[in-house]
Amino acid sequence: MKDYHINIFYSEKDCGYIADIPDLKYCSAFGNTQQEALEEILKAKEAWIDVCRENGKPIPEARYHPIIYKAA
């Protein structure tokens, strides 16, 4: 399975942590803690990729890199 960048942030509105994978459109998850959000997004990633395979859709390459990782 490909390694994708995962964002995890606290949502005041949802009173918990949201995790998402920018390269996988609409792939996100919720957790009461950062660890729980990470565990849930990893499950969501597997399910997202499984659905692509089942439907013969291409699995996106891991391309997203936050600007903080770009060389100055």
N, C-alpha and C. Protein backbone atom coordinates (compact mmCIF):
# COMPACT_ATOMS: atom_id res chain seq x y z
N MET A 1 0.85 -1.17 0.00
CA MET A 1 0.00 0.00 0.00
C MET A 1 0.90 1.24 0.00
N LYS A 2 0.45 2.26 -0.68
CA LYS A 2 1.24 3.47 -0.83
C LYS A 2 1.24 4.30 0.46
N ASP A 3 2.32 5.05 0.65
CA ASP A 3 2.40 5.96 1.79
C ASP A 3 1.87 7.32 1.35
N TYR A 4 0.84 7.78 2.02
CA TYR A 4 0.23 9.07 1.72
C TYR A 4 0.42 10.01 2.91
N HIS A 5 0.49 11.29 2.61
CA HIS A 5 0.55 12.30 3.67
C HIS A 5 -0.80 12.31 4.39
N ILE A 6 -0.76 12.39 5.71
CA ILE A 6 -1.97 12.46 6.52
C ILE A 6 -1.95 13.75 7.32
N ASN A 7 -3.04 14.52 7.23
CA ASN A 7 -3.22 15.71 8.06
C ASN A 7 -4.08 15.33 9.25
N ILE A 8 -3.71 15.80 10.43
CA ILE A 8 -4.54 15.62 11.62
C ILE A 8 -4.64 16.98 12.29
N PHE A 9 -5.86 17.40 12.56
CA PHE A 9 -6.07 18.70 13.21
C PHE A 9 -7.27 18.64 14.14
N TYR A 10 -7.27 19.53 15.12
CA TYR A 10 -8.38 19.60 16.07
C TYR A 10 -9.49 20.47 15.50
N SER A 11 -10.71 20.01 15.61
CA SER A 11 -11.87 20.76 15.15
C SER A 11 -12.70 21.18 16.35
N GLU A 12 -12.75 22.48 16.60
CA GLU A 12 -13.59 23.01 17.68
C GLU A 12 -15.05 22.64 17.42
N LYS A 13 -15.49 22.79 16.18
CA LYS A 13 -16.88 22.52 15.81
C LYS A 13 -17.27 21.09 16.13
N ASP A 14 -16.37 20.14 15.84
CA ASP A 14 -16.66 18.72 16.05
C ASP A 14 -16.20 18.21 17.41
N CYS A 15 -15.48 19.05 18.15
CA CYS A 15 -14.95 18.67 19.47
C CYS A 15 -14.12 17.39 19.41
N GLY A 16 -13.27 17.32 18.40
CA GLY A 16 -12.40 16.16 18.25
C GLY A 16 -11.42 16.38 17.12
N TYR A 17 -10.70 15.35 16.79
CA TYR A 17 -9.65 15.42 15.78
C TYR A 17 -10.14 14.87 14.44
N ILE A 18 -9.78 15.57 13.39
CA ILE A 18 -10.10 15.17 12.03
C ILE A 18 -8.79 14.78 11.34
N ALA A 19 -8.81 13.68 10.65
CA ALA A 19 -7.65 13.25 9.85
C ALA A 19 -8.12 13.15 8.40
N ASP A 20 -7.26 13.57 7.50
CA ASP A 20 -7.58 13.41 6.08
C ASP A 20 -6.33 13.11 5.28
N ILE A 21 -6.57 12.57 4.09
CA ILE A 21 -5.49 12.25 3.16
C ILE A 21 -5.76 13.05 1.90
N PRO A 22 -5.01 14.13 1.66
CA PRO A 22 -5.28 15.00 0.52
C PRO A 22 -5.27 14.31 -0.84
N ASP A 23 -4.46 13.29 -1.01
CA ASP A 23 -4.38 12.60 -2.30
C ASP A 23 -5.58 11.70 -2.58
N LEU A 24 -6.35 11.37 -1.54
CA LEU A 24 -7.52 10.50 -1.70
C LEU A 24 -8.77 11.34 -1.44
N LYS A 25 -9.39 11.79 -2.50
CA LYS A 25 -10.52 12.72 -2.41
C LYS A 25 -11.59 12.20 -1.45
N TYR A 26 -11.97 13.06 -0.51
CA TYR A 26 -13.00 12.79 0.50
C TYR A 26 -12.63 11.72 1.51
N CYS A 27 -11.38 11.31 1.58
CA CYS A 27 -10.97 10.32 2.56
C CYS A 27 -10.62 11.04 3.86
N SER A 28 -11.49 10.90 4.85
CA SER A 28 -11.26 11.55 6.13
C SER A 28 -11.84 10.70 7.25
N ALA A 29 -11.47 11.03 8.47
CA ALA A 29 -11.94 10.27 9.63
C ALA A 29 -11.92 11.16 10.87
N PHE A 30 -12.64 10.73 11.88
CA PHE A 30 -12.77 11.46 13.13
C PHE A 30 -12.25 10.61 14.28
N GLY A 31 -11.69 11.27 15.29
CA GLY A 31 -11.30 10.60 16.52
C GLY A 31 -11.35 11.55 17.70
N ASN A 32 -11.57 11.01 18.88
CA ASN A 32 -11.57 11.84 20.08
C ASN A 32 -10.16 12.26 20.48
N THR A 33 -9.17 11.49 20.01
CA THR A 33 -7.76 11.82 20.25
C THR A 33 -7.03 11.79 18.90
N GLN A 34 -5.81 12.31 18.88
CA GLN A 34 -5.02 12.26 17.66
C GLN A 34 -4.75 10.82 17.25
N GLN A 35 -4.44 9.98 18.22
CA GLN A 35 -4.16 8.57 17.94
C GLN A 35 -5.38 7.87 17.36
N GLU A 36 -6.54 8.15 17.92
CA GLU A 36 -7.77 7.54 17.41
C GLU A 36 -8.06 8.01 15.98
N ALA A 37 -7.85 9.29 15.72
CA ALA A 37 -8.06 9.81 14.36
C ALA A 37 -7.10 9.13 13.38
N LEU A 38 -5.86 8.93 13.80
CA LEU A 38 -4.88 8.25 12.94
C LEU A 38 -5.31 6.81 12.66
N GLU A 39 -5.72 6.10 13.69
CA GLU A 39 -6.16 4.72 13.51
C GLU A 39 -7.35 4.64 12.56
N GLU A 40 -8.28 5.57 12.70
CA GLU A 40 -9.47 5.58 11.85
C GLU A 40 -9.15 5.94 10.40
N ILE A 41 -8.22 6.89 10.19
CA ILE A 41 -7.89 7.26 8.81
C ILE A 41 -7.15 6.12 8.11
N LEU A 42 -6.38 5.35 8.85
CA LEU A 42 -5.70 4.21 8.23
C LEU A 42 -6.71 3.16 7.78
N LYS A 43 -7.77 2.97 8.55
CA LYS A 43 -8.85 2.06 8.14
C LYS A 43 -9.57 2.63 6.92
N ALA A 44 -9.84 3.93 6.95
CA ALA A 44 -10.53 4.58 5.83
C ALA A 44 -9.70 4.50 4.55
N LYS A 45 -8.37 4.65 4.69
CA LYS A 45 -7.50 4.55 3.52
C LYS A 45 -7.59 3.16 2.89
N GLU A 46 -7.54 2.13 3.71
CA GLU A 46 -7.65 0.77 3.19
C GLU A 46 -8.99 0.56 2.48
N ALA A 47 -10.07 1.05 3.08
CA ALA A 47 -11.40 0.90 2.47
C ALA A 47 -11.48 1.68 1.16
N TRP A 48 -10.93 2.90 1.14
CA TRP A 48 -10.95 3.75 -0.05
C TRP A 48 -10.25 3.05 -1.21
N ILE A 49 -9.08 2.48 -0.92
CA ILE A 49 -8.30 1.79 -1.95
C ILE A 49 -8.99 0.49 -2.38
N ASP A 50 -9.59 -0.22 -1.44
CA ASP A 50 -10.33 -1.45 -1.78
C ASP A 50 -11.46 -1.16 -2.75
N VAL A 51 -12.19 -0.07 -2.52
CA VAL A 51 -13.30 0.30 -3.41
C VAL A 51 -12.78 0.62 -4.81
N CYS A 52 -11.65 1.31 -4.88
CA CYS A 52 -11.05 1.58 -6.20
C CYS A 52 -10.75 0.28 -6.93
N ARG A 53 -10.12 -0.64 -6.23
CA ARG A 53 -9.77 -1.93 -6.84
C ARG A 53 -11.01 -2.69 -7.30
N GLU A 54 -12.02 -2.73 -6.44
CA GLU A 54 -13.25 -3.45 -6.76
C GLU A 54 -13.95 -2.87 -7.99
N ASN A 55 -13.81 -1.56 -8.18
CA ASN A 55 -14.48 -0.90 -9.30
C ASN A 55 -13.57 -0.62 -10.49
N GLY A 56 -12.35 -1.15 -10.45
CA GLY A 56 -11.42 -0.98 -11.56
C GLY A 56 -10.96 0.45 -11.76
N LYS A 57 -10.99 1.24 -10.70
CA LYS A 57 -10.56 2.65 -10.78
C LYS A 57 -9.08 2.75 -10.44
N PRO A 58 -8.40 3.74 -11.01
CA PRO A 58 -6.97 3.91 -10.70
C PRO A 58 -6.77 4.40 -9.26
N ILE A 59 -5.71 3.93 -8.65
CA ILE A 59 -5.35 4.37 -7.30
C ILE A 59 -4.35 5.52 -7.46
N PRO A 60 -4.69 6.69 -6.91
CA PRO A 60 -3.81 7.86 -7.09
C PRO A 60 -2.41 7.65 -6.50
N GLU A 61 -1.45 8.24 -7.18
CA GLU A 61 -0.08 8.27 -6.65
C GLU A 61 -0.03 9.20 -5.45
N ALA A 62 0.89 8.94 -4.55
CA ALA A 62 1.11 9.84 -3.41
C ALA A 62 1.90 11.04 -3.93
N ARG A 63 1.24 12.19 -4.01
CA ARG A 63 1.87 13.38 -4.57
C ARG A 63 1.88 14.57 -3.62
N TYR A 64 0.96 14.61 -2.67
CA TYR A 64 0.83 15.79 -1.81
C TYR A 64 2.02 15.89 -0.87
N HIS A 65 2.65 17.06 -0.88
CA HIS A 65 3.74 17.36 0.04
C HIS A 65 3.52 18.76 0.58
N PRO A 66 3.30 18.91 1.88
CA PRO A 66 3.09 20.24 2.45
C PRO A 66 4.26 21.16 2.13
N ILE A 67 3.98 22.42 2.05
CA ILE A 67 5.00 23.40 1.69
C ILE A 67 6.19 23.40 2.67
N ILE A 68 5.96 22.97 3.91
CA ILE A 68 7.07 22.97 4.88
C ILE A 68 8.16 21.98 4.49
N TYR A 69 7.85 21.02 3.60
CA TYR A 69 8.84 20.06 3.16
C TYR A 69 9.58 20.47 1.91
N LYS A 70 9.17 21.55 1.29
CA LYS A 70 9.83 21.99 0.06
C LYS A 70 11.12 22.73 0.40
N ALA A 71 12.14 22.51 -0.41
CA ALA A 71 13.44 23.17 -0.19
C ALA A 71 13.31 24.67 -0.44
N ALA A 72 14.01 25.42 0.37
CA ALA A 72 13.97 26.89 0.24
C ALA A 72 14.86 27.35 -0.90
